[in-house]
N, C-alpha and C. Protein backbone atom coordinates (compact mmCIF):
# COMPACT_ATOMS: atom_id res chain seq x y z
N UNK A 1 15.78 -5.41 17.30
CA UNK A 1 16.39 -4.84 16.02
C UNK A 1 16.29 -4.95 14.68
N UNK A 2 16.15 -3.62 14.21
CA UNK A 2 15.97 -4.06 12.49
C UNK A 2 17.66 -4.31 11.95
N UNK A 3 17.42 -5.16 11.43
CA UNK A 3 19.13 -4.77 10.16
C UNK A 3 19.52 -4.35 9.48
N UNK A 4 20.15 -4.12 9.00
CA UNK A 4 20.96 -3.32 7.49
C UNK A 4 18.90 -3.70 6.22
N UNK A 5 19.80 -5.34 6.46
CA UNK A 5 18.58 -5.77 4.83
C UNK A 5 17.42 -5.57 5.35
N UNK A 6 16.78 -4.95 6.72
CA UNK A 6 15.14 -5.02 6.78
C UNK A 6 15.01 -3.36 6.53
N UNK A 7 16.17 -2.71 7.07
CA UNK A 7 16.09 -1.43 6.54
C UNK A 7 15.90 -1.46 4.74
N UNK A 8 16.88 -1.63 4.42
CA UNK A 8 16.41 -1.89 3.14
C UNK A 8 15.10 -2.50 2.65
N UNK A 9 14.71 -3.22 2.15
CA UNK A 9 13.35 -3.77 2.65
C UNK A 9 12.04 -3.09 3.01
N UNK A 10 12.04 -2.67 3.41
CA UNK A 10 11.52 -1.79 4.43
C UNK A 10 11.70 -0.48 2.95
N UNK A 11 12.93 0.21 2.58
CA UNK A 11 12.64 1.19 1.83
C UNK A 11 12.10 0.86 0.82
N UNK A 12 12.51 -0.85 -0.19
CA UNK A 12 12.04 -0.57 -1.24
C UNK A 12 10.88 -1.04 -1.19
N UNK A 13 9.73 -1.75 -0.20
CA UNK A 13 9.06 -1.39 -0.41
C UNK A 13 7.47 -0.05 -0.41
N UNK A 14 8.59 0.83 0.37
CA UNK A 14 7.87 2.29 -0.27
C UNK A 14 8.40 3.05 -1.01
N UNK A 15 8.80 2.42 -1.71
CA UNK A 15 9.46 3.09 -2.78
C UNK A 15 8.58 1.96 -3.99
N UNK A 16 7.90 1.15 -3.93
CA UNK A 16 7.26 0.41 -4.38
C UNK A 16 5.38 0.67 -4.48
N UNK A 17 5.80 1.49 -3.05
CA UNK A 17 3.82 1.55 -2.79
C UNK A 17 3.44 2.72 -3.44
N UNK A 18 5.01 3.82 -3.28
CA UNK A 18 4.51 5.51 -4.07
C UNK A 18 4.34 5.10 -5.25
N UNK A 19 4.97 4.37 -6.47
CA UNK A 19 5.42 3.90 -7.15
C UNK A 19 3.92 3.74 -7.55
N UNK A 20 3.81 2.53 -7.44
CA UNK A 20 1.82 1.79 -7.92
C UNK A 20 1.28 2.58 -7.40
N UNK A 21 1.35 3.71 -6.09
CA UNK A 21 -0.37 4.25 -5.74
C UNK A 21 -0.52 5.35 -7.22
N UNK A 22 0.91 6.06 -7.95
CA UNK A 22 1.17 6.57 -9.72
C UNK A 22 0.59 5.50 -10.56
N UNK A 23 0.17 5.09 -10.24
CA UNK A 23 0.27 3.71 -11.34
C UNK A 23 -0.96 3.30 -11.74
N UNK A 24 -1.67 2.70 -12.56
CA UNK A 24 -2.54 1.76 -12.76
C UNK A 24 -3.02 0.65 -12.78
N UNK A 25 -2.11 -0.29 -11.60
CA UNK A 25 -2.08 -1.61 -11.79
C UNK A 25 -3.32 -1.83 -9.97
N UNK A 26 -3.68 -1.97 -9.86
CA UNK A 26 -4.70 -1.44 -8.59
C UNK A 26 -4.11 -3.17 -7.97
N UNK A 27 -3.97 -4.12 -8.70
CA UNK A 27 -3.38 -5.49 -8.43
C UNK A 27 -2.45 -5.27 -7.02
N UNK A 28 -1.54 -4.89 -8.40
CA UNK A 28 -0.22 -4.80 -7.38
C UNK A 28 0.17 -3.89 -6.70
N UNK A 29 -0.87 -2.28 -6.67
CA UNK A 29 -0.63 -1.96 -5.16
C UNK A 29 -0.79 -2.43 -4.05
N UNK A 30 -2.50 -3.87 -4.76
CA UNK A 30 -2.68 -3.87 -3.14
C UNK A 30 -1.96 -5.31 -2.68
N UNK A 31 -0.95 -5.26 -3.72
CA UNK A 31 -0.09 -6.48 -2.97
C UNK A 31 1.45 -6.16 -2.04
N UNK A 32 1.45 -4.57 -1.54
CA UNK A 32 1.82 -3.84 -0.79
C UNK A 32 1.13 -3.88 0.30
N UNK A 33 0.37 -4.43 0.33
CA UNK A 33 -0.67 -4.69 2.14
C UNK A 33 -0.71 -6.17 1.91
N UNK A 34 -0.62 -6.50 3.64
CA UNK A 34 -0.86 -7.69 3.67
C UNK A 34 -2.32 -8.28 3.47
N UNK A 35 -3.09 -9.76 3.59
CA UNK A 35 -4.63 -10.01 2.88
C UNK A 35 -5.41 -8.75 4.32
N UNK A 36 -4.84 -8.97 5.78
CA UNK A 36 -5.55 -8.46 6.34
C UNK A 36 -5.32 -6.92 7.00
N UNK A 37 -4.23 -6.43 5.52
CA UNK A 37 -3.67 -4.70 5.85
C UNK A 37 -5.09 -3.64 5.99
N UNK A 38 -4.40 -2.15 6.30
CA UNK A 38 -5.85 -1.23 6.76
C UNK A 38 -4.63 -0.02 6.07
N UNK A 39 -5.96 0.77 4.75
CA UNK A 39 -4.94 2.18 4.84
C UNK A 39 -5.86 3.41 5.02
N UNK A 40 -5.15 3.97 5.69
CA UNK A 40 -5.97 5.27 6.46
C UNK A 40 -5.29 6.20 5.74
N UNK A 41 -6.16 7.27 5.78
CA UNK A 41 -5.67 9.00 4.58
C UNK A 41 -5.80 9.51 5.74
N UNK A 42 -5.47 10.25 6.35
CA UNK A 42 -5.94 11.89 7.38
C UNK A 42 -6.87 11.16 8.23
N UNK A 43 -6.45 10.53 8.91
CA UNK A 43 -7.31 9.85 9.42
C UNK A 43 -8.64 8.68 9.31
N UNK A 44 -8.73 8.58 7.76
CA UNK A 44 -9.77 8.33 7.73
C UNK A 44 -9.70 7.03 6.75
N UNK A 45 -10.53 6.09 7.82
CA UNK A 45 -10.23 4.60 6.98
C UNK A 45 -11.21 4.31 5.36
N UNK A 46 -9.68 4.15 4.76
CA UNK A 46 -9.84 3.90 3.67
C UNK A 46 -10.87 2.70 3.03
N UNK A 47 -9.98 1.47 3.68
CA UNK A 47 -10.10 -0.24 3.09
C UNK A 47 -9.47 -1.01 4.43
N UNK A 48 -10.17 -2.05 4.84
CA UNK A 48 -9.62 -3.07 6.29
C UNK A 48 -9.15 -3.94 5.30
N UNK A 49 -8.95 -4.33 3.96
CA UNK A 49 -8.20 -5.59 3.51
C UNK A 49 -7.77 -5.00 2.33
N UNK A 50 -7.12 -6.09 1.65
CA UNK A 50 -6.43 -5.86 0.36
C UNK A 50 -7.22 -5.64 -0.20
N UNK A 51 -8.38 -6.85 -0.70
CA UNK A 51 -9.19 -5.95 -1.58
C UNK A 51 -10.15 -4.60 -1.55
N UNK A 52 -10.85 -4.51 -0.40
CA UNK A 52 -11.36 -2.92 -0.02
C UNK A 52 -9.84 -2.30 -0.61
N UNK A 53 -8.94 -2.28 -0.54
CA UNK A 53 -7.72 -1.12 -1.14
C UNK A 53 -7.39 -0.94 -2.41
N UNK A 54 -7.85 -2.68 -3.30
CA UNK A 54 -7.37 -2.47 -4.26
C UNK A 54 -8.68 -2.04 -4.86
N UNK A 55 -9.82 -1.60 -4.49
CA UNK A 55 -11.30 -1.55 -5.02
C UNK A 55 -11.17 0.19 -4.59
N UNK A 56 -10.85 0.41 -4.10
CA UNK A 56 -10.28 1.97 -3.60
C UNK A 56 -9.22 2.96 -4.38
N UNK A 57 -8.40 1.76 -4.95
CA UNK A 57 -7.05 2.05 -5.95
C UNK A 57 -8.47 2.40 -7.27
N UNK A 58 -8.91 0.83 -7.76
CA UNK A 58 -9.50 1.38 -9.12
C UNK A 58 -10.71 2.51 -9.50
N UNK A 59 -11.70 3.14 -8.19
CA UNK A 59 -12.42 3.31 -7.94
C UNK A 59 -11.36 5.16 -7.60
N UNK A 60 -10.29 5.05 -7.40
CA UNK A 60 -9.59 6.63 -7.59
C UNK A 60 -9.37 7.18 -8.48
N UNK A 61 -8.58 6.06 -9.65
CA UNK A 61 -7.66 6.64 -10.75
C UNK A 61 -9.41 7.22 -11.57
N UNK A 62 -10.15 6.72 -11.57
CA UNK A 62 -11.47 7.05 -12.62
C UNK A 62 -12.16 8.33 -11.74
N UNK A 63 -11.75 8.97 -10.70
CA UNK A 63 -12.21 10.24 -10.27
C UNK A 63 -11.78 11.45 -11.65
N UNK A 64 -12.52 12.30 -11.67
CA UNK A 64 -11.96 13.09 -12.66
C UNK A 64 -11.30 14.45 -11.95
N UNK A 65 -10.12 14.99 -12.20
CA UNK A 65 -9.45 16.19 -11.39
C UNK A 65 -8.57 15.35 -10.24
N UNK A 66 -8.79 13.98 -10.63
CA UNK A 66 -8.07 13.10 -8.94
C UNK A 66 -6.47 13.70 -9.23
N UNK A 67 -5.52 13.78 -8.33
CA UNK A 67 -4.73 14.28 -8.01
C UNK A 67 -3.36 12.85 -7.09
N UNK A 68 -2.38 12.84 -8.02
CA UNK A 68 -1.37 11.35 -7.16
C UNK A 68 -1.10 12.66 -6.40
N UNK A 69 -0.56 11.58 -4.84
CA UNK A 69 0.03 12.39 -3.93
C UNK A 69 0.91 11.18 -3.97
N UNK A 70 2.47 11.78 -3.56
CA UNK A 70 3.31 10.92 -3.35
C UNK A 70 4.35 11.29 -2.61
N UNK A 71 5.20 11.11 -1.50
CA UNK A 71 6.29 10.84 -0.21
C UNK A 71 7.16 9.61 -0.68
N UNK A 72 8.34 10.80 -0.65
CA UNK A 72 9.88 9.81 -1.14
C UNK A 72 10.23 9.49 -0.24
N UNK A 73 11.15 8.39 -0.05
CA UNK A 73 11.23 8.88 1.54
C UNK A 73 12.11 8.82 2.47
N UNK A 74 12.33 10.03 1.63
CA UNK A 74 13.01 11.60 2.18
C UNK A 74 11.76 12.84 3.22
N UNK A 75 10.35 12.35 2.34
CA UNK A 75 9.12 13.07 3.23
C UNK A 75 9.01 13.96 1.96
N UNK A 76 9.81 13.93 1.54
CA UNK A 76 8.53 15.63 0.81
C UNK A 76 7.97 15.24 -0.21
N UNK A 77 6.96 16.09 0.02
CA UNK A 77 5.78 15.55 -0.85
C UNK A 77 5.65 16.47 -2.30
N UNK A 78 4.52 15.69 -3.24
CA UNK A 78 4.91 16.01 -4.79
C UNK A 78 2.92 15.83 -5.14
N UNK A 79 3.12 16.69 -5.50
CA UNK A 79 1.33 16.33 -6.26
C UNK A 79 1.69 16.33 -7.53
N UNK A 80 0.84 15.58 -8.67
CA UNK A 80 0.20 16.51 -9.86
C UNK A 80 -0.89 15.57 -10.65
N UNK A 81 -2.23 15.78 -11.24
CA UNK A 81 -2.90 15.37 -11.86
C UNK A 81 -2.97 14.18 -12.25
N UNK A 82 -4.03 13.34 -12.20
CA UNK A 82 -4.04 12.55 -12.82
C UNK A 82 -4.24 12.07 -14.03
N UNK A 83 -3.69 11.39 -15.03
CA UNK A 83 -4.07 11.52 -16.36
C UNK A 83 -3.82 10.68 -17.57
């Protein structure tokens, strides 16, 4: 069973992940994952390691017209152009 501290740590990681997903620090974004972590989006495998996830982060920030999509801890969704 998760403790209150566990829930707080998970919420803090989720907030950090969302904040860094909109940022320009792929290494810090990668630090949200364990070394052997994986990332999927809409069922598509994005990366199977922290290094692949960081590489994806660098690539997506360079795409023309790329959009940021983040969910709050309550599940609401927002989008905005990456500038």
